């Protein structure tokens, strides 16, 4: 298998999208924080509290082309439960994810993912390696940009 270890890289936008996609939310740590968060969420849903952290927007990033949007969707869907919905992927992108990202099949070969009807789900072993699987599925161009990126 060609999965190689990468340094863990956190992108605020990817984390915010992944958390919002799985419906993750928690109560802020204080009543005042809860009131402020509720007020902010009422006027701007993007500021709703998630695990006590508020993600409003990222002020950095790049515009993604069609191929990179497909990869981002597959990565973000795989790394959360219930997994990557092949029917949803076909509706969004007009093709099957296994055709457009054939390396997903390697996850099955190594017992890192299973097919459950229309879902591709990471196994416990796959979830344990999520920090490696995400970057492994990224394109070479994005990996290079992530490596060369400097905040600030």
Protein backbone atom coordinates (compact mmCIF):
# COMPACT_ATOMS: atom_id res chain seq x y z
CA UNK A 1 0.00 0.00 0.00
CA UNK A 2 1.26 3.45 -0.83
CA UNK A 3 -0.04 5.31 2.22
CA UNK A 4 2.85 7.34 3.62
CA UNK A 5 2.95 9.14 6.95
CA UNK A 6 2.51 12.89 6.75
CA UNK A 7 2.79 15.54 9.40
CA UNK A 8 -0.65 16.33 10.77
CA UNK A 9 -1.96 19.48 9.15
CA UNK A 10 -5.07 21.20 10.44
CA UNK A 11 -7.13 23.34 8.14
CA UNK A 12 -9.80 25.34 9.95
CA UNK A 13 -12.15 25.22 6.99
CA UNK A 14 -11.92 21.44 6.61
CA UNK A 15 -12.43 20.93 10.34
CA UNK A 16 -15.39 23.30 10.44
CA UNK A 17 -17.00 21.58 7.45
CA UNK A 18 -16.37 18.10 8.84
CA UNK A 19 -17.79 19.03 12.25
CA UNK A 20 -20.83 20.74 10.77
CA UNK A 21 -21.43 17.79 8.42
CA UNK A 22 -21.62 15.38 11.35
CA UNK A 23 -23.80 17.74 13.37
CA UNK A 24 -21.24 18.04 16.14
CA UNK A 25 -22.17 20.54 18.79
CA UNK A 26 -21.66 20.96 22.47
CA UNK A 27 -22.68 23.34 25.17
CA UNK A 28 -20.28 26.24 25.72
CA UNK A 29 -18.47 26.19 29.04
CA UNK A 30 -20.34 29.07 30.71
CA UNK A 31 -23.92 30.37 30.67
CA UNK A 32 -22.67 33.70 29.34
CA UNK A 33 -20.85 31.95 26.52
CA UNK A 34 -24.01 29.97 25.78
CA UNK A 35 -26.12 33.13 25.56
CA UNK A 36 -23.57 34.85 23.33
CA UNK A 37 -23.28 31.79 21.10
CA UNK A 38 -27.06 31.46 20.81
CA UNK A 39 -27.37 35.12 19.90
CA UNK A 40 -24.57 34.87 17.33
CA UNK A 41 -25.98 31.65 15.88
CA UNK A 42 -29.38 33.25 15.49
CA UNK A 43 -27.91 35.98 13.32
CA UNK A 44 -25.17 33.95 11.64
CA UNK A 45 -25.44 30.11 11.70
CA UNK A 46 -21.77 29.79 10.72
CA UNK A 47 -20.81 30.98 14.21
CA UNK A 48 -22.76 28.28 16.07
CA UNK A 49 -20.65 26.63 18.82
CA UNK A 50 -18.93 23.33 18.01
CA UNK A 51 -17.07 21.65 20.85
CA UNK A 52 -16.84 25.06 22.54
CA UNK A 53 -15.04 26.57 19.55
CA UNK A 54 -16.63 29.04 17.17
CA UNK A 55 -15.69 28.78 13.49
CA UNK A 56 -16.78 31.89 11.66
CA UNK A 57 -14.58 31.87 8.57
CA UNK A 58 -11.06 31.22 7.42
CA UNK A 59 -9.18 34.15 5.96
CA UNK A 60 -6.87 31.97 3.90
CA UNK A 61 -7.16 29.15 1.41
CA UNK A 62 -7.41 28.54 -2.30
CA UNK A 63 -10.16 28.15 -4.86
CA UNK A 64 -10.57 24.46 -5.62
CA UNK A 65 -11.18 23.06 -9.08
CA UNK A 66 -13.67 20.27 -9.77
CA UNK A 67 -11.21 17.43 -9.11
CA UNK A 68 -10.10 18.93 -5.80
CA UNK A 69 -13.73 19.49 -4.72
CA UNK A 70 -14.43 15.79 -5.42
CA UNK A 71 -11.39 14.76 -3.38
CA UNK A 72 -12.29 17.11 -0.52
CA UNK A 73 -15.84 15.73 -0.41
CA UNK A 74 -14.59 12.13 -0.39
CA UNK A 75 -12.00 12.81 2.32
CA UNK A 76 -14.35 14.75 4.58
CA UNK A 77 -17.12 12.16 4.19
CA UNK A 78 -14.84 9.19 4.81
CA UNK A 79 -13.33 10.62 7.97
CA UNK A 80 -16.67 10.95 9.79
CA UNK A 81 -19.56 8.60 10.45
CA UNK A 82 -21.50 7.32 8.64
CA UNK A 83 -18.94 7.56 5.81
CA UNK A 84 -18.87 8.31 2.09
CA UNK A 85 -22.30 7.89 0.48
CA UNK A 86 -21.73 6.73 -3.11
CA UNK A 87 -25.25 7.71 -4.23
CA UNK A 88 -24.76 11.23 -2.86
CA UNK A 89 -21.36 11.43 -4.56
CA UNK A 90 -22.92 10.39 -7.90
CA UNK A 91 -25.64 13.05 -7.51
CA UNK A 92 -23.08 15.74 -6.73
CA UNK A 93 -20.36 14.84 -9.23
CA UNK A 94 -22.02 12.71 -11.92
CA UNK A 95 -19.81 9.63 -11.48
CA UNK A 96 -18.99 6.95 -8.96
CA UNK A 97 -16.29 7.79 -6.39
CA UNK A 98 -14.59 4.42 -6.97
CA UNK A 99 -14.17 5.34 -10.65
CA UNK A 100 -12.88 8.85 -9.96
CA UNK A 101 -10.72 7.88 -6.95
CA UNK A 102 -9.66 4.28 -7.63
CA UNK A 103 -7.20 4.36 -4.72
CA UNK A 104 -10.24 4.04 -2.43
CA UNK A 105 -10.23 0.34 -3.38
CA UNK A 106 -6.89 -0.05 -1.59
CA UNK A 107 -8.68 0.77 1.66
CA UNK A 108 -10.84 -2.35 1.15
CA UNK A 109 -7.82 -4.49 0.31
CA UNK A 110 -6.16 -3.54 3.60
CA UNK A 111 -9.33 -3.83 5.73
CA UNK A 112 -9.30 -0.08 6.39
CA UNK A 113 -12.78 0.41 4.89
CA UNK A 114 -15.87 -1.66 4.10
CA UNK A 115 -18.81 -1.23 1.76
CA UNK A 116 -22.13 -1.15 3.58
CA UNK A 117 -24.78 -0.78 0.88
CA UNK A 118 -24.13 2.62 -0.72
CA UNK A 119 -21.77 3.69 2.08
CA UNK A 120 -18.01 3.36 2.23
CA UNK A 121 -17.12 3.33 5.92
CA UNK A 122 -13.74 3.31 7.56
CA UNK A 123 -13.24 0.35 9.88
CA UNK A 124 -11.86 0.90 13.37
CA UNK A 125 -8.40 0.29 11.89
CA UNK A 126 -9.14 2.88 9.19
CA UNK A 127 -10.34 5.46 11.70
CA UNK A 128 -7.17 4.87 13.71
CA UNK A 129 -5.24 5.82 10.58
CA UNK A 130 -7.45 8.76 9.53
CA UNK A 131 -4.55 11.23 9.94
CA UNK A 132 -2.72 9.26 7.26
CA UNK A 133 -5.64 8.40 4.99
CA UNK A 134 -6.77 12.01 4.52
CA UNK A 135 -3.43 13.30 3.20
CA UNK A 136 -2.92 10.06 1.22
CA UNK A 137 -6.09 10.81 -0.75
CA UNK A 138 -5.07 14.42 -1.39
CA UNK A 139 -3.65 15.19 -4.82
CA UNK A 140 0.08 15.76 -5.28
CA UNK A 141 -0.58 19.43 -6.06
CA UNK A 142 -2.47 19.97 -2.80
CA UNK A 143 0.10 18.03 -0.76
CA UNK A 144 2.82 20.28 -2.20
CA UNK A 145 0.81 23.43 -1.42
CA UNK A 146 0.18 22.22 2.14
CA UNK A 147 3.87 21.48 2.61
CA UNK A 148 4.92 24.92 1.31
CA UNK A 149 2.19 26.96 3.05
CA UNK A 150 3.23 29.37 5.79
CA UNK A 151 0.58 31.08 7.89
CA UNK A 152 1.01 34.78 8.37
